[in-house]
Protein backbone atom coordinates (compact mmCIF):
# COMPACT_ATOMS: atom_id res chain seq x y z
CA MET A 1 0.00 0.00 0.00
CA HIS A 2 2.85 2.31 0.70
CA LEU A 3 4.22 1.68 -2.75
CA THR A 4 0.83 2.21 -4.32
CA THR A 5 0.26 5.46 -2.45
CA THR A 6 3.67 6.70 -3.33
CA SER A 7 3.17 5.81 -6.96
CA SER A 8 -0.23 7.56 -7.13
CA PHE A 9 1.11 10.60 -5.43
CA ARG A 10 3.97 10.83 -7.84
CA ARG A 11 1.62 10.38 -10.83
CA TYR A 12 -0.79 13.12 -9.77
CA ALA A 13 2.04 15.39 -8.77
CA ALA A 14 3.53 14.99 -12.23
CA VAL A 15 0.20 15.76 -13.90
CA GLY A 16 -0.35 18.78 -11.67
CA THR A 17 3.11 20.02 -12.37
CA ALA A 18 2.50 19.72 -16.11
CA ILE A 19 -0.74 21.67 -15.88
CA ALA A 20 0.91 24.37 -13.82
CA ILE A 21 3.76 24.66 -16.30
CA VAL A 22 1.32 24.88 -19.23
CA SER A 23 -0.69 27.60 -17.49
CA MET A 24 2.43 29.60 -16.69
CA SER A 25 3.81 29.13 -20.15
CA SER A 26 0.55 30.44 -21.60
CA ALA A 27 0.85 33.53 -19.46
CA PHE A 28 4.50 34.17 -20.39
CA GLY A 29 4.21 33.12 -24.03
CA ILE A 30 6.09 29.85 -23.64
CA GLY A 31 4.67 26.97 -25.72
CA ALA A 32 3.28 23.77 -24.27
CA THR A 33 5.75 21.79 -26.30
CA ALA A 34 8.60 23.09 -24.19
CA ALA A 35 6.92 21.97 -20.97
CA VAL A 36 6.41 18.45 -22.28
CA ALA A 37 10.00 18.31 -23.41
CA ALA A 38 11.22 19.12 -19.90
CA GLU A 39 9.26 16.26 -18.42
CA THR A 40 10.37 13.64 -20.95
CA PRO A 41 13.83 12.71 -19.45
CA THR A 42 12.16 11.40 -16.27
CA THR A 43 10.31 8.61 -18.08
CA THR A 44 11.47 5.09 -18.69
CA PRO A 45 13.55 4.72 -21.89
CA THR A 46 12.44 3.04 -25.08
CA THR A 47 10.48 0.14 -23.56
CA SER A 48 6.78 0.58 -24.11
CA PRO A 49 4.42 0.60 -21.14
CA THR A 50 2.89 -2.66 -22.18
CA ASP A 51 6.23 -4.48 -22.25
CA ALA A 52 7.21 -3.07 -18.88
CA VAL A 53 4.06 -4.27 -17.22
CA THR A 54 4.51 -7.79 -18.59
CA THR A 55 8.11 -7.95 -17.50
CA SER A 56 7.29 -6.92 -13.97
CA ALA A 57 4.66 -9.60 -13.64
CA THR A 58 6.98 -12.32 -14.84
CA THR A 59 9.72 -11.30 -12.47
CA ALA A 60 7.42 -11.34 -9.49
CA THR A 61 6.11 -14.80 -10.32
CA ASP A 62 9.56 -16.39 -10.75
CA ALA A 63 11.13 -14.82 -7.61
CA PRO A 64 12.03 -17.01 -4.54
CA ALA A 65 9.42 -17.32 -1.82
CA ASP A 66 11.57 -15.73 0.79
CA SER A 67 9.63 -12.72 1.98
CA ASP A 68 12.62 -10.55 2.63
CA THR A 69 14.14 -11.26 -0.65
CA ALA A 70 10.89 -10.84 -2.57
CA ALA A 71 9.83 -7.66 -0.80
CA ALA A 72 12.84 -5.65 -1.70
CA PRO A 73 12.76 -6.22 -5.43
CA SER A 74 8.96 -5.88 -5.59
CA SER A 75 8.84 -2.56 -3.81
CA ASP A 76 11.99 -0.90 -5.05
CA ALA A 77 12.49 -2.08 -8.60
CA THR A 78 9.66 -3.92 -10.18
CA PRO A 79 6.67 -1.65 -9.43
CA ALA A 80 8.60 1.57 -9.95
CA ALA A 81 9.17 1.14 -13.62
CA PRO A 82 5.61 0.26 -14.64
CA THR A 83 4.08 2.71 -12.15
CA ASP A 84 5.97 5.68 -13.60
CA ALA A 85 5.73 4.61 -17.23
CA THR A 86 2.23 3.22 -17.31
CA PRO A 87 0.34 6.36 -16.25
CA THR A 88 2.33 8.56 -18.58
CA ALA A 89 1.80 6.58 -21.77
CA ALA A 90 -1.09 4.21 -21.19
CA SER A 91 -3.27 5.46 -18.35
CA PRO A 92 -6.64 6.66 -19.71
CA THR A 93 -7.06 9.24 -16.92
CA ALA A 94 -3.77 11.14 -16.98
CA PRO A 95 -3.65 11.79 -20.74
CA THR A 96 -7.32 12.90 -20.67
CA ASP A 97 -6.54 15.58 -18.09
CA ALA A 98 -3.25 16.72 -19.58
CA THR A 99 -3.88 16.44 -23.34
CA PRO A 100 -6.68 19.05 -23.72
CA ALA A 101 -4.90 21.48 -21.42
CA ALA A 102 -1.86 21.86 -23.60
CA PRO A 103 -3.62 22.47 -26.96
CA THR A 104 -6.40 24.61 -25.42
CA ASP A 105 -3.97 26.99 -23.74
CA ALA A 106 -1.36 26.91 -26.47
CA THR A 107 -3.59 27.55 -29.50
CA PRO A 108 -4.32 31.27 -29.00
CA THR A 109 -0.80 32.16 -27.76
CA GLY A 110 0.92 31.84 -31.11
CA ALA A 111 3.30 28.95 -30.15
CA THR A 112 1.79 26.53 -32.67
CA PRO A 113 1.13 27.25 -36.38
CA THR A 114 -2.59 27.76 -35.71
CA ALA A 115 -2.08 30.47 -33.11
CA PRO A 116 -1.10 33.26 -35.54
CA THR A 117 -4.09 32.31 -37.76
CA ASP A 118 -6.53 32.88 -34.90
CA ALA A 119 -4.85 36.03 -33.61
CA THR A 120 -4.13 37.82 -36.92
CA PRO A 121 -7.72 38.53 -38.14
CA ALA A 122 -8.82 39.89 -34.79
CA ALA A 123 -6.95 43.20 -35.00
CA PRO A 124 -7.82 44.11 -38.67
CA THR A 125 -11.50 43.30 -38.13
CA ALA A 126 -11.83 46.02 -35.53
CA ASP A 127 -9.75 48.57 -37.50
CA LEU A 128 -11.07 48.08 -41.09
CA THR A 129 -14.82 47.93 -40.46
CA PRO A 130 -15.91 51.27 -38.96
CA SER A 131 -19.39 51.58 -37.63
CA PRO A 132 -21.74 53.50 -40.05
CA SER A 133 -22.45 57.08 -39.12
CA PRO A 134 -26.08 57.70 -38.23
CA VAL A 135 -28.14 60.21 -40.31
CA THR A 136 -27.85 63.56 -38.64
CA ALA A 137 -29.17 67.03 -39.31
CA ALA A 138 -27.12 69.05 -41.82
CA ALA A 139 -25.18 72.06 -40.77
CA THR A 140 -27.78 74.81 -41.00
CA GLY A 141 -27.39 77.09 -44.02
CA THR A 142 -29.26 80.24 -45.00
CA VAL A 143 -31.06 81.68 -48.01
CA ALA A 144 -31.44 85.32 -49.00
CA VAL A 145 -33.26 87.15 -51.81
CA THR A 146 -31.26 89.41 -54.11
CA GLY A 147 -32.58 91.83 -56.75
CA THR A 148 -34.80 94.89 -57.06
CA ALA A 149 -38.37 94.63 -55.79
CA THR A 150 -39.97 96.30 -58.81
CA ALA A 151 -42.38 94.92 -61.40
CA TRP A 152 -40.71 93.09 -64.33
CA ARG A 153 -37.40 92.65 -62.45
CA THR A 154 -35.92 89.27 -61.53
CA LEU A 155 -35.22 88.14 -57.96
CA ALA A 156 -32.79 85.32 -57.12
CA ALA A 157 -32.44 82.96 -54.13
CA GLU A 158 -28.85 82.93 -52.80
CA THR A 159 -27.98 79.92 -50.56
CA THR A 160 -24.98 79.93 -48.23
CA GLY A 161 -23.55 77.68 -45.52
CA TRP A 162 -24.70 74.35 -46.99
CA PRO A 163 -22.28 71.43 -47.56
CA THR A 164 -21.05 70.62 -51.04
CA GLY A 165 -23.49 68.37 -52.85
CA THR A 166 -26.58 69.76 -51.14
CA THR A 167 -29.68 69.74 -53.35
CA PHE A 168 -32.38 72.43 -53.15
CA THR A 169 -36.02 72.95 -54.00
CA TYR A 170 -37.68 76.36 -53.90
CA GLN A 171 -41.07 77.93 -53.26
CA TRP A 172 -41.70 81.67 -53.55
CA THR A 173 -44.38 83.34 -51.49
CA ALA A 174 -46.12 86.70 -51.60
CA THR A 175 -47.48 88.54 -48.57
CA LYS A 176 -50.07 91.27 -48.95
CA ALA A 177 -52.34 92.77 -46.31
CA GLY A 178 -51.04 90.25 -43.79
CA THR A 179 -51.88 87.20 -45.92
CA THR A 180 -49.11 84.98 -47.25
CA THR A 181 -49.73 82.73 -50.24
CA GLU A 182 -47.53 80.46 -52.30
CA VAL A 183 -47.08 81.70 -55.86
CA ARG A 184 -48.23 78.94 -58.16
CA GLY A 185 -45.46 77.70 -60.44
CA ALA A 186 -42.78 79.75 -58.65
CA THR A 187 -40.48 76.83 -57.85
CA ALA A 188 -37.24 77.93 -59.49
CA SER A 189 -34.25 79.67 -57.92
CA THR A 190 -35.31 82.89 -59.70
CA TYR A 191 -38.60 84.78 -59.77
CA VAL A 192 -39.75 87.32 -62.39
CA ILE A 193 -41.90 89.89 -60.63
CA ASP A 194 -45.35 90.40 -62.11
CA PRO A 195 -47.26 93.71 -62.00
CA GLU A 196 -49.76 91.75 -59.92
CA ASP A 197 -47.14 91.60 -57.14
CA ALA A 198 -47.14 95.38 -56.68
CA GLY A 199 -47.84 96.21 -53.04
CA SER A 200 -46.68 92.78 -51.81
CA THR A 201 -43.51 91.54 -50.17
CA LEU A 202 -41.83 88.46 -51.57
CA ALA A 203 -39.81 85.69 -49.90
CA VAL A 204 -38.46 82.26 -50.79
CA ALA A 205 -38.38 79.03 -48.78
CA VAL A 206 -35.66 76.54 -49.64
CA ASN A 207 -35.71 72.84 -48.78
CA ALA A 208 -32.09 71.62 -48.58
CA THR A 209 -30.88 68.02 -48.46
CA ALA A 210 -27.17 67.59 -47.74
CA PRO A 211 -25.41 64.26 -48.43
CA GLY A 212 -26.19 61.81 -45.58
CA ALA A 213 -28.28 64.36 -43.75
CA ALA A 214 -31.93 64.89 -43.06
CA PRO A 215 -33.71 67.60 -45.14
CA GLU A 216 -33.92 71.07 -43.68
CA THR A 217 -35.98 74.12 -44.61
CA ALA A 218 -34.81 77.72 -44.47
CA THR A 219 -36.84 80.83 -45.33
CA SER A 220 -35.45 84.14 -46.49
CA ALA A 221 -36.27 87.51 -45.06
CA PRO A 222 -39.01 89.27 -47.09
CA THR A 223 -38.22 91.87 -49.70
CA GLY A 224 -39.42 95.41 -49.49
CA VAL A 225 -42.83 96.27 -50.89
CA VAL A 226 -42.86 95.65 -54.65
CA ALA A 227 -43.15 98.85 -56.70
CA ALA A 228 -45.16 99.07 -59.94
CA ASP A 229 -43.41 100.15 -63.12
CA ASP A 230 -45.78 100.50 -66.07
CA SER A 231 -44.27 103.57 -67.64
CA ARG A 232 -43.16 101.66 -70.73
CA PHE A 233 -45.13 98.43 -70.73
CA ARG A 234 -48.80 98.50 -69.85
CA GLU A 235 -51.19 95.58 -69.99
CA GLY A 236 -53.94 96.46 -72.45
CA GLY A 237 -52.07 99.59 -73.47
CA GLY A 238 -50.66 100.32 -76.88
CA ARG A 239 -47.71 101.80 -78.69
CA ASP A 240 -47.74 103.16 -82.25
CA PHE A 241 -44.90 103.20 -84.74
CA ALA A 242 -44.60 104.41 -88.34
CA PHE A 243 -41.96 103.17 -90.77
CA THR A 244 -41.23 103.29 -94.47
CA ALA A 245 -40.68 100.18 -96.51
CA GLY A 246 -36.95 99.62 -96.65
CA ASP A 247 -36.18 101.27 -93.31
CA ASP A 248 -33.72 99.55 -90.97
CA VAL A 249 -35.73 99.11 -87.78
CA SER A 250 -34.58 98.45 -84.23
CA ILE A 251 -37.27 99.45 -81.74
CA ASP A 252 -36.96 98.84 -78.00
CA LEU A 253 -40.25 97.39 -76.76
CA ARG A 254 -38.89 96.17 -73.43
CA ALA A 255 -40.66 96.80 -70.15
CA PHE A 256 -37.64 98.65 -68.77
CA ALA A 257 -34.13 99.63 -69.80
CA GLY A 258 -31.11 97.56 -68.83
CA ASP A 259 -30.54 93.89 -68.05
CA GLN A 260 -33.85 92.03 -68.33
CA GLY A 261 -32.78 89.16 -66.09
CA GLY A 262 -35.20 86.30 -66.68
CA LEU A 263 -37.88 88.43 -68.39
CA THR A 264 -38.58 87.30 -71.97
CA TYR A 265 -40.96 88.42 -74.72
CA ARG A 266 -43.07 86.87 -77.46
CA SER A 267 -45.78 87.99 -79.86
CA SER A 268 -49.39 86.94 -80.39
CA LEU A 269 -52.27 87.94 -82.63
CA ILE A 270 -55.50 89.76 -81.97
CA THR A 271 -58.41 90.79 -84.20
CA PRO A 272 -57.16 94.02 -85.74
CA PRO A 273 -59.28 97.10 -86.39
CA VAL A 274 -60.63 97.85 -89.85
CA GLY A 275 -57.83 98.89 -92.14
CA SER A 276 -55.16 96.85 -90.37
CA VAL A 277 -53.94 93.30 -90.71
CA ALA A 278 -52.99 90.98 -87.86
CA GLY A 279 -49.37 90.19 -87.26
CA ILE A 280 -45.89 91.63 -87.41
CA PRO A 281 -45.20 93.36 -90.76
CA ASP A 282 -43.20 91.55 -93.42
CA GLY A 283 -39.47 91.85 -92.85
CA LEU A 284 -39.75 92.52 -89.10
CA GLU A 285 -39.43 90.17 -86.15
CA LEU A 286 -39.71 90.39 -82.38
CA THR A 287 -36.70 89.09 -80.47
CA SER A 288 -37.04 87.24 -77.18
CA GLY A 289 -35.19 90.18 -75.64
CA GLY A 290 -38.00 92.60 -76.55
CA TYR A 291 -36.71 94.36 -79.70
CA LEU A 292 -38.60 94.80 -82.97
CA VAL A 293 -35.93 94.52 -85.65
CA GLY A 294 -35.56 94.09 -89.40
CA THR A 295 -36.59 95.81 -92.61
CA PRO A 296 -40.32 96.11 -93.38
CA THR A 297 -41.25 95.43 -97.01
CA LEU A 298 -45.03 95.55 -97.20
CA ALA A 299 -46.79 98.91 -97.02
CA LEU A 300 -49.64 98.12 -94.65
CA ARG A 301 -50.94 98.98 -91.22
CA SER A 302 -50.44 96.01 -88.88
CA GLU A 303 -51.30 95.23 -85.30
CA PHE A 304 -49.97 92.57 -82.93
CA VAL A 305 -49.46 91.96 -79.21
CA ILE A 306 -46.13 91.83 -77.45
CA ASN A 307 -46.22 89.67 -74.31
CA ALA A 308 -43.84 90.01 -71.37
CA VAL A 309 -43.49 86.52 -69.86
CA THR A 310 -43.43 86.48 -66.04
CA THR A 311 -43.48 83.72 -63.44
CA ARG A 312 -47.14 84.32 -62.65
CA HIS A 313 -48.09 84.63 -66.32
CA PRO A 314 -46.07 82.17 -68.44
CA GLU A 315 -48.38 83.00 -71.35
CA GLY A 316 -47.34 86.64 -71.03
CA VAL A 317 -48.77 90.02 -70.08
CA GLY A 318 -49.79 91.69 -73.35
CA MET A 319 -49.43 95.15 -74.83
CA VAL A 320 -50.79 96.11 -78.26
CA VAL A 321 -48.35 97.39 -80.88
CA ASN A 322 -49.52 99.23 -84.02
CA VAL A 323 -47.11 99.50 -86.94
CA ASP A 324 -47.86 101.60 -90.00
CA VAL A 325 -45.52 100.95 -92.93
CA ALA A 326 -45.65 103.43 -95.83
CA ALA A 327 -44.43 102.81 -99.36
CA GLY A 328 -40.84 103.60 -100.04
CA ALA A 329 -39.31 105.88 -102.64
CA PRO A 330 -40.42 105.47 -106.27
CA ALA A 331 -38.49 102.73 -108.00
CA GLU A 332 -40.64 101.99 -111.06
CA VAL A 333 -43.01 104.11 -113.20
CA GLY A 334 -45.71 102.88 -115.57
CA VAL A 335 -48.15 104.82 -117.73
CA VAL A 336 -51.77 104.31 -118.78
CA ALA A 337 -53.00 106.25 -121.87
CA TYR A 338 -56.48 106.42 -123.37
CA LEU A 339 -58.21 108.55 -125.97
CA GLU A 340 -60.66 111.22 -124.92
CA THR A 341 -63.42 110.13 -127.33
CA ASP A 342 -67.00 108.96 -127.47
CA GLN A 343 -66.47 106.55 -130.34
CA PRO A 344 -69.21 103.91 -130.34
CA GLN A 345 -66.72 101.14 -131.04
CA GLY A 346 -65.03 101.68 -127.74
CA GLN A 347 -62.24 103.59 -126.10
CA PRO A 348 -58.70 102.53 -126.96
CA VAL A 349 -56.39 102.15 -123.97
CA TRP A 350 -52.61 101.58 -123.88
CA ALA A 351 -50.61 100.47 -120.87
CA ILE A 352 -46.88 101.11 -120.77
CA ALA A 353 -45.28 98.81 -118.18
CA PRO A 354 -42.26 99.93 -116.12
CA ASP A 355 -40.03 97.82 -118.38
CA GLY A 356 -41.33 99.64 -121.49
CA THR A 357 -43.67 96.93 -122.81
CA VAL A 358 -46.81 98.40 -124.44
CA THR A 359 -50.13 96.55 -124.44
CA TYR A 360 -53.44 97.61 -125.99
CA SER A 361 -57.09 97.22 -125.06
CA ASP A 362 -60.12 98.67 -126.82
CA SER A 363 -61.87 99.33 -123.51
CA PRO A 364 -60.78 100.16 -119.98
CA GLU A 365 -63.21 97.54 -118.78
CA VAL A 366 -62.12 94.72 -121.11
CA GLN A 367 -58.35 95.15 -120.74
CA ASP A 368 -57.44 92.39 -123.16
CA GLY A 369 -53.88 93.72 -123.36
CA ASP A 370 -53.01 93.02 -127.00
CA PRO A 371 -49.28 93.83 -127.32
CA THR A 372 -49.30 93.66 -131.13
CA THR A 373 -51.31 96.83 -131.75
CA PRO A 374 -49.08 99.88 -132.25
CA PHE A 375 -49.55 102.97 -130.16
CA ARG A 376 -51.09 105.17 -132.90
CA VAL A 377 -53.36 108.23 -132.69
CA HIS A 378 -54.38 111.16 -134.93
CA GLN A 379 -52.93 114.61 -134.66
CA ASP A 380 -56.21 116.05 -133.46
CA ASP A 381 -56.75 113.38 -130.77
CA GLU A 382 -56.53 114.24 -127.11
CA LEU A 383 -54.74 111.67 -125.05
CA SER A 384 -55.14 111.26 -121.28
CA LEU A 385 -51.94 110.10 -119.55
CA HIS A 386 -51.72 108.71 -116.00
CA THR A 387 -48.76 107.30 -114.10
CA TYR A 388 -48.68 104.46 -111.61
CA VAL A 389 -45.62 104.24 -109.39
CA SER A 390 -44.25 101.53 -107.13
CA ASP A 391 -41.35 101.30 -104.71
CA ALA A 392 -38.60 98.68 -104.72
CA TYR A 393 -40.88 96.18 -102.93
CA GLY A 394 -43.84 96.57 -105.29
CA ASN A 395 -45.85 98.84 -103.01
CA GLY A 396 -47.90 101.47 -104.83
CA VAL A 397 -46.72 105.05 -104.37
CA PHE A 398 -49.78 107.30 -104.56
CA GLY A 399 -50.01 111.07 -104.98
CA ALA A 400 -46.46 111.49 -106.27
CA GLN A 401 -45.94 114.48 -108.57
CA THR A 402 -45.20 113.50 -112.20
CA THR A 403 -43.21 115.59 -114.65
CA TRP A 404 -44.15 115.18 -118.35
CA THR A 405 -41.98 116.00 -121.35
CA SER A 406 -42.22 115.48 -125.15
CA SER A 407 -39.61 115.18 -127.84
CA VAL A 408 -41.75 117.41 -130.10
CA ALA A 409 -41.84 121.12 -129.42
CA GLY A 410 -45.34 122.48 -129.28
CA ASP A 411 -46.93 119.47 -127.62
CA THR A 412 -48.94 120.64 -124.64
CA PHE A 413 -49.68 118.98 -121.30
CA THR A 414 -52.69 120.16 -119.35
CA SER A 415 -52.57 118.95 -115.79
CA ALA A 416 -55.64 117.30 -114.39
CA GLU A 417 -54.00 116.07 -111.17
CA PRO A 418 -50.42 115.41 -109.96
CA SER A 419 -50.17 112.14 -111.84
CA SER A 420 -52.44 112.87 -114.80
CA VAL A 421 -52.38 115.18 -117.84
CA ILE A 422 -54.19 115.77 -121.17
CA LEU A 423 -51.73 115.65 -124.09
CA ARG A 424 -52.36 117.51 -127.39
CA PHE A 425 -50.04 117.07 -130.35
CA ALA A 426 -48.45 119.85 -132.39
CA HIS A 427 -48.12 117.82 -135.62
CA ALA A 428 -48.02 114.35 -137.04
CA SER A 429 -44.81 112.46 -136.35
CA PRO A 430 -43.40 110.01 -133.82
CA HIS A 431 -43.52 111.60 -130.37
CA VAL A 432 -41.37 110.38 -127.49
CA ILE A 433 -43.16 111.13 -124.24
CA THR A 434 -41.40 110.80 -120.87
CA ALA A 435 -42.96 110.56 -117.41
CA THR A 436 -40.65 111.23 -114.48
CA VAL A 437 -41.50 110.59 -110.82
CA GLY A 438 -39.01 111.02 -107.99
CA GLY A 439 -36.04 110.68 -110.30
CA VAL A 440 -37.41 107.59 -112.05
CA SER A 441 -38.46 108.01 -115.70
CA ARG A 442 -40.47 106.00 -118.21
CA PRO A 443 -40.19 107.07 -121.88
CA PHE A 444 -42.53 105.67 -124.56
CA THR A 445 -43.23 106.45 -128.25
CA ILE A 446 -46.58 107.48 -129.82
CA GLN A 447 -47.04 107.42 -133.58
CA VAL A 448 -49.16 110.48 -134.43
CA ASP A 449 -50.83 110.32 -137.87
CA PRO A 450 -52.16 113.33 -139.83
CA VAL A 451 -55.75 114.33 -139.46
CA GLY A 452 -58.00 112.25 -141.72
CA ALA A 453 -55.46 109.46 -142.12
CA VAL A 454 -56.75 105.95 -141.79
CA THR A 455 -55.53 104.46 -138.54
CA THR A 456 -55.44 100.72 -138.30
CA THR A 457 -57.05 99.59 -135.06
CA PRO A 458 -58.08 96.17 -133.82
CA ALA A 459 -61.72 97.07 -134.53
CA ALA A 460 -60.94 97.96 -138.18
CA THR A 461 -58.81 94.89 -138.85
CA GLY A 462 -61.10 92.56 -136.98
CA THR A 463 -58.34 91.41 -134.64
CA GLY A 464 -59.55 93.32 -131.62
CA THR A 465 -62.30 92.69 -129.17
CA ALA A 466 -65.60 94.49 -129.73
CA THR A 467 -67.33 96.35 -126.97
CA PRO A 468 -69.67 93.90 -125.18
CA VAL A 469 -73.39 94.32 -125.77
CA GLY A 470 -75.01 96.51 -123.16
CA GLN A 471 -71.70 98.08 -122.05
CA LEU A 472 -71.72 101.87 -121.92
CA ALA A 473 -69.12 103.65 -124.01
CA PHE A 474 -66.70 105.91 -122.18
CA THR A 475 -67.85 109.52 -122.60
CA GLY A 476 -64.80 111.29 -121.31
CA ALA A 477 -66.58 112.61 -118.25
CA ASP A 478 -64.89 110.09 -115.94
CA THR A 479 -61.15 110.67 -116.03
CA THR A 480 -60.42 107.98 -113.47
CA GLY A 481 -61.25 104.95 -115.64
CA PRO A 482 -57.77 104.21 -117.02
CA LEU A 483 -56.22 105.19 -113.74
CA ALA A 484 -58.54 102.78 -112.01
CA TRP A 485 -57.37 100.09 -114.41
CA ALA A 486 -53.72 100.69 -113.58
CA LEU A 487 -54.38 101.04 -109.89
CA GLY A 488 -56.52 97.93 -110.10
CA LEU A 489 -53.45 96.08 -111.29
CA LEU A 490 -51.54 97.39 -108.30
CA ALA A 491 -54.41 96.64 -105.91
CA SER A 492 -54.75 93.09 -107.19
CA GLY A 493 -51.07 92.53 -106.56
CA ALA A 494 -51.40 94.04 -103.08
CA ALA A 495 -54.44 91.85 -102.43
CA LEU A 496 -52.43 88.77 -103.29
CA LEU A 497 -49.74 89.91 -100.87
CA LEU A 498 -52.35 90.39 -98.18
CA VAL A 499 -53.72 86.92 -98.72
CA ARG A 500 -50.25 85.46 -98.49
CA LEU A 501 -49.56 87.48 -95.37
CA ARG A 502 -52.76 86.34 -93.65
CA ARG A 503 -52.05 82.72 -94.51
CA ARG A 504 -48.51 82.97 -93.24
CA ARG A 505 -49.58 84.63 -89.99
CA ALA A 506 -52.23 82.00 -89.44
């Protein structure tokens, strides 16, 4: 029993010592392998525990029966070897207690290859994965209104103190008589003041959202009371302008002088008064900046509306504009000539075009325009001459004074009106007659035959057109017939221009 107790004590002492060494080595960074190595020299050499146990049993069985002799070897030699070796290598209890202790304590310390693997990720995990920042309120910024508080001017919202990347939405408000209302459609950073805002104060509220922050709202201080300014642009009012065809036009129709800010302009049509046509005259245009520019070409009176576009009125606040374009300087002269006669076969009429082409008709009303009939009269005939004048754009020039001359001395011109005369011939011969208006001349030749000579006319040769049945012959009392013919030509051309203009405006 003494041997057994001693052996057990030594076994448990060894195990306890190993555990203590492992624990201390863990604390000081010394591996469990080193502790085991220190214990190894105390064990029995190469013989396995199983062989040692068998050898001890054999020796005890073959020993002499003498108690003194048997006791000494049994207690001192034979049990010692198996007792020390058996628990270390083969005992199921001792390895169970010692084996988990060494790996469990050694693994995280870095002594074995797995220790660095467990320890290495721990530090980077804490450093490389920062906790997400919570959504917080943005640093408070401000908004202010800049600009002049006067009708037609543009105000702007100026934001300051907000982080880079902040997004904004806007809402303008108007306060009048203590009541504040949101201006419909006023959601931009600028605001064009409408005449309707006169007497109000204006302000802007801005909703700001900074990156990673909750939205915030800031409101500007109100402007001063908005002043009206209708000295140049009045809703329902009108402005009148007169030009001449060919003029270079640049008329300022803006609501005020200077930078217009966000104020823009456009035109629209209205039903014009009698004598006017709707729309901007040919050759002119209205710019978005409020100027009427260009070169008018059509001599007419026109009427249109210029609209100033504001935030409250995106369709525009309108003002009527009347433009009267007169014909330009004479550029072409034509002549109409007819005989002062009451011949029953009709009244011969000749038209001399501005290019010199002569056409004939046997009646002012028929106007068949036969260009093959020569311009022939008798010496005793009286010939009425009338001019029709147009400018470079084809507009009729009316009331211009005409100067008449003849290549034959003694021919007389009796003035009936500025553009008309009665011509009497001095003798039979070719006569070159010249009409001059405003520096533009139109010469033409009349073959004057002697009195009593037979003059070939379309009626005599049968090539002309006879006076229609029931048509009254011209008596000479109405001196405006041929002139009406020529002016009718001009009027028909003007009418075509008007039709084209109306279609284009529509």
